[in-house]
Amino acid sequence: MDGQPTDVLIKLTPTWDRVIRIWWAYLWRNLIAALVSIIIAFIIAIAADFVLRTFQVSETIIKIITMFIVFVVSLIIGIFPMKMIIGKKFRDFSLIIVKN
């Protein structure tokens, strides 16, 4: 339940062990997201390249549009790894968001 207190929160020290576990949880999900981004951006870029060449758009413009597509796809997909680790239960703690 959003905003409902359920337990007493205990602030833990960000030890290297905890930090590394959070970092690893984020890193491997982010690597998978990067691979997914590459695949999706590649497919979209090939389709855009085909359409743009059909309309005889210059090579420079095609490159700019392709780079923009890769950038946008990466931004959109890149948020998912962070969302996936928020709320994750680790061995002796959970990564949560609390209201100030």
PDB file of N, CA and C in Angstrom:
ATOM      1  N   MET A   1       0.845  -1.184   0.000  1.00  0.00           N
ATOM      2  CA  MET A   1       0.000   0.000   0.000  1.00  0.00           C
ATOM      3  C   MET A   1       0.881   1.234   0.000  1.00  0.00           C
ATOM      4  N   ASP A   2       0.707   2.072  -0.962  1.00  0.00           N
ATOM      5  CA  ASP A   2       1.508   3.271  -1.085  1.00  0.00           C
ATOM      6  C   ASP A   2       1.262   4.223   0.079  1.00  0.00           C
ATOM      7  N   GLY A   3       2.337   4.644   0.712  1.00  0.00           N
ATOM      8  CA  GLY A   3       2.231   5.645   1.760  1.00  0.00           C
ATOM      9  C   GLY A   3       1.801   5.108   3.110  1.00  0.00           C
ATOM     10  N   GLN A   4       1.531   3.825   3.228  1.00  0.00           N
ATOM     11  CA  GLN A   4       1.099   3.237   4.490  1.00  0.00           C
ATOM     12  C   GLN A   4       2.297   2.695   5.252  1.00  0.00           C
ATOM     13  N   PRO A   5       2.514   3.174   6.496  1.00  0.00           N
ATOM     14  CA  PRO A   5       3.634   2.626   7.270  1.00  0.00           C
ATOM     15  C   PRO A   5       3.345   1.178   7.643  1.00  0.00           C
ATOM     16  N   THR A   6       4.300   0.300   7.386  1.00  0.00           N
ATOM     17  CA  THR A   6       4.118  -1.107   7.718  1.00  0.00           C
ATOM     18  C   THR A   6       5.143  -1.571   8.738  1.00  0.00           C
ATOM     19  N   ASP A   7       6.349  -1.069   8.676  1.00  0.00           N
ATOM     20  CA  ASP A   7       7.418  -1.485   9.576  1.00  0.00           C
ATOM     21  C   ASP A   7       8.197  -0.263  10.033  1.00  0.00           C
ATOM     22  N   VAL A   8       8.954  -0.448  11.084  1.00  0.00           N
ATOM     23  CA  VAL A   8       9.871   0.589  11.527  1.00  0.00           C
ATOM     24  C   VAL A   8      11.086   0.530  10.602  1.00  0.00           C
ATOM     25  N   LEU A   9      11.485   1.691  10.081  1.00  0.00           N
ATOM     26  CA  LEU A   9      12.638   1.733   9.188  1.00  0.00           C
ATOM     27  C   LEU A   9      13.911   1.895  10.011  1.00  0.00           C
ATOM     28  N   ILE A  10      14.914   1.109   9.672  1.00  0.00           N
ATOM     29  CA  ILE A  10      16.215   1.203  10.325  1.00  0.00           C
ATOM     30  C   ILE A  10      17.219   1.601   9.262  1.00  0.00           C
ATOM     31  N   LYS A  11      17.878   2.724   9.483  1.00  0.00           N
ATOM     32  CA  LYS A  11      18.873   3.193   8.528  1.00  0.00           C
ATOM     33  C   LYS A  11      20.146   2.372   8.676  1.00  0.00           C
ATOM     34  N   LEU A  12      20.573   1.776   7.570  1.00  0.00           N
ATOM     35  CA  LEU A  12      21.790   0.966   7.572  1.00  0.00           C
ATOM     36  C   LEU A  12      22.950   1.748   6.977  1.00  0.00           C
ATOM     37  N   THR A  13      24.133   1.434   7.408  1.00  0.00           N
ATOM     38  CA  THR A  13      25.344   2.043   6.872  1.00  0.00           C
ATOM     39  C   THR A  13      25.599   1.489   5.475  1.00  0.00           C
ATOM     40  N   PRO A  14      25.904   2.368   4.507  1.00  0.00           N
ATOM     41  CA  PRO A  14      26.188   1.877   3.150  1.00  0.00           C
ATOM     42  C   PRO A  14      27.587   1.258   3.071  1.00  0.00           C
ATOM     43  N   THR A  15      27.714   0.052   3.584  1.00  0.00           N
ATOM     44  CA  THR A  15      29.007  -0.638   3.551  1.00  0.00           C
ATOM     45  C   THR A  15      29.340  -1.012   2.117  1.00  0.00           C
ATOM     46  N   TRP A  16      30.613  -1.338   1.886  1.00  0.00           N
ATOM     47  CA  TRP A  16      31.024  -1.733   0.537  1.00  0.00           C
ATOM     48  C   TRP A  16      30.282  -2.982   0.081  1.00  0.00           C
ATOM     49  N   ASP A  17      30.028  -3.903   0.992  1.00  0.00           N
ATOM     50  CA  ASP A  17      29.294  -5.116   0.641  1.00  0.00           C
ATOM     51  C   ASP A  17      27.891  -4.769   0.115  1.00  0.00           C
ATOM     52  N   ARG A  18      27.196  -3.898   0.799  1.00  0.00           N
ATOM     53  CA  ARG A  18      25.847  -3.497   0.369  1.00  0.00           C
ATOM     54  C   ARG A  18      25.887  -2.710  -0.942  1.00  0.00           C
ATOM     55  N   VAL A  19      26.823  -1.790  -1.022  1.00  0.00           N
ATOM     56  CA  VAL A  19      26.944  -0.973  -2.230  1.00  0.00           C
ATOM     57  C   VAL A  19      27.242  -1.848  -3.451  1.00  0.00           C
ATOM     58  N   ILE A  20      28.148  -2.797  -3.280  1.00  0.00           N
ATOM     59  CA  ILE A  20      28.498  -3.680  -4.398  1.00  0.00           C
ATOM     60  C   ILE A  20      27.317  -4.544  -4.801  1.00  0.00           C
ATOM     61  N   ARG A  21      26.518  -5.011  -3.846  1.00  0.00           N
ATOM     62  CA  ARG A  21      25.337  -5.814  -4.201  1.00  0.00           C
ATOM     63  C   ARG A  21      24.313  -4.981  -4.969  1.00  0.00           C
ATOM     64  N   ILE A  22      24.112  -3.723  -4.560  1.00  0.00           N
ATOM     65  CA  ILE A  22      23.187  -2.840  -5.298  1.00  0.00           C
ATOM     66  C   ILE A  22      23.754  -2.554  -6.682  1.00  0.00           C
ATOM     67  N   TRP A  23      25.039  -2.240  -6.740  1.00  0.00           N
ATOM     68  CA  TRP A  23      25.696  -1.955  -8.024  1.00  0.00           C
ATOM     69  C   TRP A  23      25.575  -3.147  -8.969  1.00  0.00           C
ATOM     70  N   TRP A  24      25.835  -4.351  -8.472  1.00  0.00           N
ATOM     71  CA  TRP A  24      25.764  -5.537  -9.322  1.00  0.00           C
ATOM     72  C   TRP A  24      24.324  -5.781  -9.804  1.00  0.00           C
ATOM     73  N   ALA A  25      23.355  -5.606  -8.909  1.00  0.00           N
ATOM     74  CA  ALA A  25      21.953  -5.794  -9.292  1.00  0.00           C
ATOM     75  C   ALA A  25      21.576  -4.832 -10.416  1.00  0.00           C
ATOM     76  N   TYR A  26      22.077  -3.611 -10.326  1.00  0.00           N
ATOM     77  CA  TYR A  26      21.807  -2.622 -11.376  1.00  0.00           C
ATOM     78  C   TYR A  26      22.610  -2.921 -12.639  1.00  0.00           C
ATOM     79  N   LEU A  27      23.890  -3.254 -12.481  1.00  0.00           N
ATOM     80  CA  LEU A  27      24.782  -3.431 -13.624  1.00  0.00           C
ATOM     81  C   LEU A  27      24.304  -4.526 -14.568  1.00  0.00           C
ATOM     82  N   TRP A  28      24.016  -5.715 -14.054  1.00  0.00           N
ATOM     83  CA  TRP A  28      23.672  -6.795 -14.979  1.00  0.00           C
ATOM     84  C   TRP A  28      22.332  -6.542 -15.658  1.00  0.00           C
ATOM     85  N   ARG A  29      21.413  -5.903 -14.955  1.00  0.00           N
ATOM     86  CA  ARG A  29      20.149  -5.544 -15.604  1.00  0.00           C
ATOM     87  C   ARG A  29      20.376  -4.466 -16.667  1.00  0.00           C
ATOM     88  N   ASN A  30      21.283  -3.548 -16.368  1.00  0.00           N
ATOM     89  CA  ASN A  30      21.592  -2.486 -17.317  1.00  0.00           C
ATOM     90  C   ASN A  30      22.281  -3.032 -18.566  1.00  0.00           C
ATOM     91  N   LEU A  31      23.134  -4.031 -18.402  1.00  0.00           N
ATOM     92  CA  LEU A  31      23.784  -4.656 -19.563  1.00  0.00           C
ATOM     93  C   LEU A  31      22.763  -5.339 -20.472  1.00  0.00           C
ATOM     94  N   ILE A  32      21.807  -6.014 -19.860  1.00  0.00           N
ATOM     95  CA  ILE A  32      20.738  -6.642 -20.654  1.00  0.00           C
ATOM     96  C   ILE A  32      19.919  -5.573 -21.356  1.00  0.00           C
ATOM     97  N   ALA A  33      19.594  -4.486 -20.641  1.00  0.00           N
ATOM     98  CA  ALA A  33      18.839  -3.392 -21.248  1.00  0.00           C
ATOM     99  C   ALA A  33      19.617  -2.774 -22.411  1.00  0.00           C
ATOM    100  N   ALA A  34      20.934  -2.669 -22.268  1.00  0.00           N
ATOM    101  CA  ALA A  34      21.755  -2.121 -23.353  1.00  0.00           C
ATOM    102  C   ALA A  34      21.695  -3.019 -24.581  1.00  0.00           C
ATOM    103  N   LEU A  35      21.754  -4.327 -24.376  1.00  0.00           N
ATOM    104  CA  LEU A  35      21.648  -5.249 -25.510  1.00  0.00           C
ATOM    105  C   LEU A  35      20.282  -5.151 -26.180  1.00  0.00           C
ATOM    106  N   VAL A  36      19.237  -5.063 -25.377  1.00  0.00           N
ATOM    107  CA  VAL A  36      17.884  -4.904 -25.922  1.00  0.00           C
ATOM    108  C   VAL A  36      17.787  -3.587 -26.693  1.00  0.00           C
ATOM    109  N   SER A  37      18.367  -2.520 -26.138  1.00  0.00           N
ATOM    110  CA  SER A  37      18.373  -1.219 -26.815  1.00  0.00           C
ATOM    111  C   SER A  37      19.056  -1.297 -28.175  1.00  0.00           C
ATOM    112  N   ILE A  38      20.186  -1.976 -28.198  1.00  0.00           N
ATOM    113  CA  ILE A  38      20.937  -2.104 -29.454  1.00  0.00           C
ATOM    114  C   ILE A  38      20.100  -2.830 -30.499  1.00  0.00           C
ATOM    115  N   ILE A  39      19.475  -3.914 -30.102  1.00  0.00           N
ATOM    116  CA  ILE A  39      18.666  -4.697 -31.041  1.00  0.00           C
ATOM    117  C   ILE A  39      17.485  -3.880 -31.560  1.00  0.00           C
ATOM    118  N   ILE A  40      16.756  -3.247 -30.632  1.00  0.00           N
ATOM    119  CA  ILE A  40      15.588  -2.456 -31.043  1.00  0.00           C
ATOM    120  C   ILE A  40      16.014  -1.270 -31.906  1.00  0.00           C
ATOM    121  N   ALA A  41      17.046  -0.556 -31.473  1.00  0.00           N
ATOM    122  CA  ALA A  41      17.518   0.607 -32.235  1.00  0.00           C
ATOM    123  C   ALA A  41      18.010   0.182 -33.611  1.00  0.00           C
ATOM    124  N   PHE A  42      18.670  -0.959 -33.695  1.00  0.00           N
ATOM    125  CA  PHE A  42      19.170  -1.467 -34.975  1.00  0.00           C
ATOM    126  C   PHE A  42      18.003  -1.734 -35.937  1.00  0.00           C
ATOM    127  N   ILE A  43      16.969  -2.379 -35.438  1.00  0.00           N
ATOM    128  CA  ILE A  43      15.809  -2.687 -36.279  1.00  0.00           C
ATOM    129  C   ILE A  43      15.125  -1.399 -36.749  1.00  0.00           C
ATOM    130  N   ILE A  44      14.921  -0.471 -35.826  1.00  0.00           N
ATOM    131  CA  ILE A  44      14.278   0.801 -36.185  1.00  0.00           C
ATOM    132  C   ILE A  44      15.164   1.591 -37.152  1.00  0.00           C
ATOM    133  N   ALA A  45      16.471   1.605 -36.892  1.00  0.00           N
ATOM    134  CA  ALA A  45      17.399   2.359 -37.746  1.00  0.00           C
ATOM    135  C   ALA A  45      17.447   1.782 -39.160  1.00  0.00           C
ATOM    136  N   ILE A  46      17.397   0.464 -39.283  1.00  0.00           N
ATOM    137  CA  ILE A  46      17.386  -0.144 -40.627  1.00  0.00           C
ATOM    138  C   ILE A  46      16.117   0.261 -41.373  1.00  0.00           C
ATOM    139  N   ALA A  47      14.989   0.218 -40.683  1.00  0.00           N
ATOM    140  CA  ALA A  47      13.732   0.614 -41.320  1.00  0.00           C
ATOM    141  C   ALA A  47      13.769   2.096 -41.712  1.00  0.00           C
ATOM    142  N   ALA A  48      14.270   2.948 -40.810  1.00  0.00           N
ATOM    143  CA  ALA A  48      14.363   4.379 -41.105  1.00  0.00           C
ATOM    144  C   ALA A  48      15.325   4.631 -42.264  1.00  0.00           C
ATOM    145  N   ASP A  49      16.438   3.920 -42.262  1.00  0.00           N
ATOM    146  CA  ASP A  49      17.421   4.055 -43.339  1.00  0.00           C
ATOM    147  C   ASP A  49      16.784   3.705 -44.688  1.00  0.00           C
ATOM    148  N   PHE A  50      16.042   2.627 -44.721  1.00  0.00           N
ATOM    149  CA  PHE A  50      15.375   2.204 -45.953  1.00  0.00           C
ATOM    150  C   PHE A  50      14.394   3.277 -46.443  1.00  0.00           C
ATOM    151  N   VAL A  51      13.572   3.775 -45.528  1.00  0.00           N
ATOM    152  CA  VAL A  51      12.583   4.793 -45.895  1.00  0.00           C
ATOM    153  C   VAL A  51      13.267   6.074 -46.354  1.00  0.00           C
ATOM    154  N   LEU A  52      14.279   6.514 -45.609  1.00  0.00           N
ATOM    155  CA  LEU A  52      14.966   7.761 -45.946  1.00  0.00           C
ATOM    156  C   LEU A  52      15.708   7.659 -47.281  1.00  0.00           C
ATOM    157  N   ARG A  53      16.305   6.512 -47.551  1.00  0.00           N
ATOM    158  CA  ARG A  53      16.979   6.329 -48.842  1.00  0.00           C
ATOM    159  C   ARG A  53      15.967   6.308 -49.987  1.00  0.00           C
ATOM    160  N   THR A  54      14.789   5.785 -49.708  1.00  0.00           N
ATOM    161  CA  THR A  54      13.733   5.779 -50.723  1.00  0.00           C
ATOM    162  C   THR A  54      13.389   7.212 -51.136  1.00  0.00           C
ATOM    163  N   PHE A  55      13.418   8.114 -50.132  1.00  0.00           N
ATOM    164  CA  PHE A  55      13.119   9.521 -50.422  1.00  0.00           C
ATOM    165  C   PHE A  55      14.380  10.327 -50.744  1.00  0.00           C
ATOM    166  N   GLN A  56      15.474   9.645 -50.973  1.00  0.00           N
ATOM    167  CA  GLN A  56      16.752  10.230 -51.373  1.00  0.00           C
ATOM    168  C   GLN A  56      17.252  11.308 -50.408  1.00  0.00           C
ATOM    169  N   VAL A  57      17.136  11.002 -49.124  1.00  0.00           N
ATOM    170  CA  VAL A  57      17.654  11.890 -48.086  1.00  0.00           C
ATOM    171  C   VAL A  57      19.171  11.731 -48.050  1.00  0.00           C
ATOM    172  N   SER A  58      19.874  12.812 -47.778  1.00  0.00           N
ATOM    173  CA  SER A  58      21.340  12.770 -47.795  1.00  0.00           C
ATOM    174  C   SER A  58      21.890  11.841 -46.704  1.00  0.00           C
ATOM    175  N   GLU A  59      23.086  11.340 -46.975  1.00  0.00           N
ATOM    176  CA  GLU A  59      23.757  10.417 -46.058  1.00  0.00           C
ATOM    177  C   GLU A  59      23.968  11.054 -44.681  1.00  0.00           C
ATOM    178  N   THR A  60      24.303  12.319 -44.650  1.00  0.00           N
ATOM    179  CA  THR A  60      24.526  13.031 -43.390  1.00  0.00           C
ATOM    180  C   THR A  60      23.256  13.073 -42.551  1.00  0.00           C
ATOM    181  N   ILE A  61      22.147  13.392 -43.168  1.00  0.00           N
ATOM    182  CA  ILE A  61      20.859  13.454 -42.454  1.00  0.00           C
ATOM    183  C   ILE A  61      20.475  12.065 -41.952  1.00  0.00           C
ATOM    184  N   ILE A  62      20.717  11.058 -42.758  1.00  0.00           N
ATOM    185  CA  ILE A  62      20.409   9.672 -42.342  1.00  0.00           C
ATOM    186  C   ILE A  62      21.216   9.311 -41.097  1.00  0.00           C
ATOM    187  N   LYS A  63      22.499   9.678 -41.074  1.00  0.00           N
ATOM    188  CA  LYS A  63      23.342   9.383 -39.916  1.00  0.00           C
ATOM    189  C   LYS A  63      22.840  10.112 -38.673  1.00  0.00           C
ATOM    190  N   ILE A  64      22.449  11.361 -38.831  1.00  0.00           N
ATOM    191  CA  ILE A  64      21.942  12.145 -37.698  1.00  0.00           C
ATOM    192  C   ILE A  64      20.655  11.526 -37.155  1.00  0.00           C
ATOM    193  N   ILE A  65      19.758  11.176 -38.044  1.00  0.00           N
ATOM    194  CA  ILE A  65      18.492  10.571 -37.626  1.00  0.00           C
ATOM    195  C   ILE A  65      18.739   9.218 -36.953  1.00  0.00           C
ATOM    196  N   THR A  66      19.648   8.432 -37.494  1.00  0.00           N
ATOM    197  CA  THR A  66      19.977   7.127 -36.917  1.00  0.00           C
ATOM    198  C   THR A  66      20.559   7.281 -35.513  1.00  0.00           C
ATOM    199  N   MET A  67      21.473   8.237 -35.331  1.00  0.00           N
ATOM    200  CA  MET A  67      22.047   8.479 -34.009  1.00  0.00           C
ATOM    201  C   MET A  67      20.971   8.930 -33.029  1.00  0.00           C
ATOM    202  N   PHE A  68      20.042   9.755 -33.485  1.00  0.00           N
ATOM    203  CA  PHE A  68      18.946  10.214 -32.635  1.00  0.00           C
ATOM    204  C   PHE A  68      18.063   9.037 -32.218  1.00  0.00           C
ATOM    205  N   ILE A  69      17.776   8.138 -33.145  1.00  0.00           N
ATOM    206  CA  ILE A  69      16.964   6.950 -32.840  1.00  0.00           C
ATOM    207  C   ILE A  69      17.646   6.109 -31.761  1.00  0.00           C
ATOM    208  N   VAL A  70      18.937   5.870 -31.918  1.00  0.00           N
ATOM    209  CA  VAL A  70      19.690   5.083 -30.933  1.00  0.00           C
ATOM    210  C   VAL A  70      19.648   5.768 -29.571  1.00  0.00           C
ATOM    211  N   PHE A  71      19.828   7.075 -29.545  1.00  0.00           N
ATOM    212  CA  PHE A  71      19.806   7.851 -28.312  1.00  0.00           C
ATOM    213  C   PHE A  71      18.454   7.734 -27.611  1.00  0.00           C
ATOM    214  N   VAL A  72      17.376   7.945 -28.351  1.00  0.00           N
ATOM    215  CA  VAL A  72      16.026   7.912 -27.761  1.00  0.00           C
ATOM    216  C   VAL A  72      15.680   6.514 -27.246  1.00  0.00           C
ATOM    217  N   VAL A  73      15.967   5.494 -28.038  1.00  0.00           N
ATOM    218  CA  VAL A  73      15.675   4.119 -27.607  1.00  0.00           C
ATOM    219  C   VAL A  73      16.467   3.791 -26.341  1.00  0.00           C
ATOM    220  N   SER A  74      17.731   4.188 -26.289  1.00  0.00           N
ATOM    221  CA  SER A  74      18.552   3.929 -25.111  1.00  0.00           C
ATOM    222  C   SER A  74      18.020   4.643 -23.875  1.00  0.00           C
ATOM    223  N   LEU A  75      17.569   5.870 -24.037  1.00  0.00           N
ATOM    224  CA  LEU A  75      16.992   6.607 -22.911  1.00  0.00           C
ATOM    225  C   LEU A  75      15.743   5.924 -22.382  1.00  0.00           C
ATOM    226  N   ILE A  76      14.884   5.514 -23.285  1.00  0.00           N
ATOM    227  CA  ILE A  76      13.620   4.898 -22.876  1.00  0.00           C
ATOM    228  C   ILE A  76      13.865   3.567 -22.175  1.00  0.00           C
ATOM    229  N   ILE A  77      14.680   2.723 -22.754  1.00  0.00           N
ATOM    230  CA  ILE A  77      14.915   1.391 -22.180  1.00  0.00           C
ATOM    231  C   ILE A  77      15.820   1.467 -20.953  1.00  0.00           C
ATOM    232  N   GLY A  78      16.684   2.473 -20.906  1.00  0.00           N
ATOM    233  CA  GLY A  78      17.635   2.597 -19.802  1.00  0.00           C
ATOM    234  C   GLY A  78      17.021   2.825 -18.438  1.00  0.00           C
ATOM    235  N   ILE A  79      15.784   3.249 -18.358  1.00  0.00           N
ATOM    236  CA  ILE A  79      15.141   3.497 -17.069  1.00  0.00           C
ATOM    237  C   ILE A  79      14.680   2.203 -16.401  1.00  0.00           C
ATOM    238  N   PHE A  80      14.443   1.168 -17.179  1.00  0.00           N
ATOM    239  CA  PHE A  80      13.899  -0.074 -16.640  1.00  0.00           C
ATOM    240  C   PHE A  80      14.799  -0.777 -15.621  1.00  0.00           C
ATOM    241  N   PRO A  81      16.118  -0.840 -15.812  1.00  0.00           N
ATOM    242  CA  PRO A  81      16.948  -1.488 -14.782  1.00  0.00           C
ATOM    243  C   PRO A  81      16.832  -0.821 -13.412  1.00  0.00           C
ATOM    244  N   MET A  82      16.756   0.509 -13.387  1.00  0.00           N
ATOM    245  CA  MET A  82      16.615   1.200 -12.113  1.00  0.00           C
ATOM    246  C   MET A  82      15.277   0.860 -11.464  1.00  0.00           C
ATOM    247  N   LYS A  83      14.224   0.865 -12.267  1.00  0.00           N
ATOM    248  CA  LYS A  83      12.890   0.513 -11.754  1.00  0.00           C
ATOM    249  C   LYS A  83      12.878  -0.903 -11.208  1.00  0.00           C
ATOM    250  N   MET A  84      13.617  -1.793 -11.863  1.00  0.00           N
ATOM    251  CA  MET A  84      13.630  -3.193 -11.447  1.00  0.00           C
ATOM    252  C   MET A  84      14.330  -3.416 -10.106  1.00  0.00           C
ATOM    253  N   ILE A  85      15.322  -2.598  -9.755  1.00  0.00           N
ATOM    254  CA  ILE A  85      16.015  -2.841  -8.481  1.00  0.00           C
ATOM    255  C   ILE A  85      15.385  -2.083  -7.318  1.00  0.00           C
ATOM    256  N   ILE A  86      14.579  -1.073  -7.602  1.00  0.00           N
ATOM    257  CA  ILE A  86      13.886  -0.383  -6.507  1.00  0.00           C
ATOM    258  C   ILE A  86      12.815  -1.331  -5.979  1.00  0.00           C
ATOM    259  N   GLY A  87      12.870  -1.610  -4.709  1.00  0.00           N
ATOM    260  CA  GLY A  87      11.955  -2.559  -4.091  1.00  0.00           C
ATOM    261  C   GLY A  87      12.543  -3.956  -3.968  1.00  0.00           C
ATOM    262  N   LYS A  88      13.726  -4.161  -4.558  1.00  0.00           N
ATOM    263  CA  LYS A  88      14.367  -5.483  -4.504  1.00  0.00           C
ATOM    264  C   LYS A  88      14.797  -5.807  -3.087  1.00  0.00           C
ATOM    265  N   LYS A  89      14.566  -7.041  -2.701  1.00  0.00           N
ATOM    266  CA  LYS A  89      15.005  -7.523  -1.396  1.00  0.00           C
ATOM    267  C   LYS A  89      16.385  -8.160  -1.555  1.00  0.00           C
ATOM    268  N   PHE A  90      17.339  -7.640  -0.822  1.00  0.00           N
ATOM    269  CA  PHE A  90      18.679  -8.204  -0.774  1.00  0.00           C
ATOM    270  C   PHE A  90      18.768  -9.090   0.461  1.00  0.00           C
ATOM    271  N   ARG A  91      19.918  -9.634   0.734  1.00  0.00           N
ATOM    272  CA  ARG A  91      20.071 -10.570   1.844  1.00  0.00           C
ATOM    273  C   ARG A  91      19.595  -9.977   3.175  1.00  0.00           C
ATOM    274  N   ASP A  92      20.110  -8.806   3.542  1.00  0.00           N
ATOM    275  CA  ASP A  92      19.778  -8.233   4.849  1.00  0.00           C
ATOM    276  C   ASP A  92      19.141  -6.845   4.760  1.00  0.00           C
ATOM    277  N   PHE A  93      18.703  -6.457   3.582  1.00  0.00           N
ATOM    278  CA  PHE A  93      18.059  -5.154   3.422  1.00  0.00           C
ATOM    279  C   PHE A  93      17.255  -5.145   2.131  1.00  0.00           C
ATOM    280  N   SER A  94      16.425  -4.111   1.991  1.00  0.00           N
ATOM    281  CA  SER A  94      15.664  -3.887   0.756  1.00  0.00           C
ATOM    282  C   SER A  94      15.973  -2.488   0.266  1.00  0.00           C
ATOM    283  N   LEU A  95      15.932  -2.316  -1.028  1.00  0.00           N
ATOM    284  CA  LEU A  95      16.140  -0.993  -1.619  1.00  0.00           C
ATOM    285  C   LEU A  95      14.757  -0.403  -1.860  1.00  0.00           C
ATOM    286  N   ILE A  96      14.408   0.592  -1.050  1.00  0.00           N
ATOM    287  CA  ILE A  96      13.058   1.165  -1.130  1.00  0.00           C
ATOM    288  C   ILE A  96      13.122   2.683  -1.216  1.00  0.00           C
ATOM    289  N   ILE A  97      11.996   3.265  -1.552  1.00  0.00           N
ATOM    290  CA  ILE A  97      11.854   4.715  -1.557  1.00  0.00           C
ATOM    291  C   ILE A  97      10.928   5.070  -0.398  1.00  0.00           C
ATOM    292  N   VAL A  98      11.386   5.984   0.446  1.00  0.00           N
ATOM    293  CA  VAL A  98      10.568   6.400   1.568  1.00  0.00           C
ATOM    294  C   VAL A  98      10.316   7.898   1.504  1.00  0.00           C
ATOM    295  N   LYS A  99       9.210   8.302   2.047  1.00  0.00           N
ATOM    296  CA  LYS A  99       8.850   9.723   2.075  1.00  0.00           C
ATOM    297  C   LYS A  99       9.650  10.425   3.166  1.00  0.00           C
ATOM    298  N   ASN A 100      10.172  11.624   2.857  1.00  0.00           N
ATOM    299  CA  ASN A 100      10.887  12.423   3.857  1.00  0.00           C
ATOM    300  C   ASN A 100       9.928  12.964   4.885  1.00  0.00           C
TER     301      ASN A 100
END
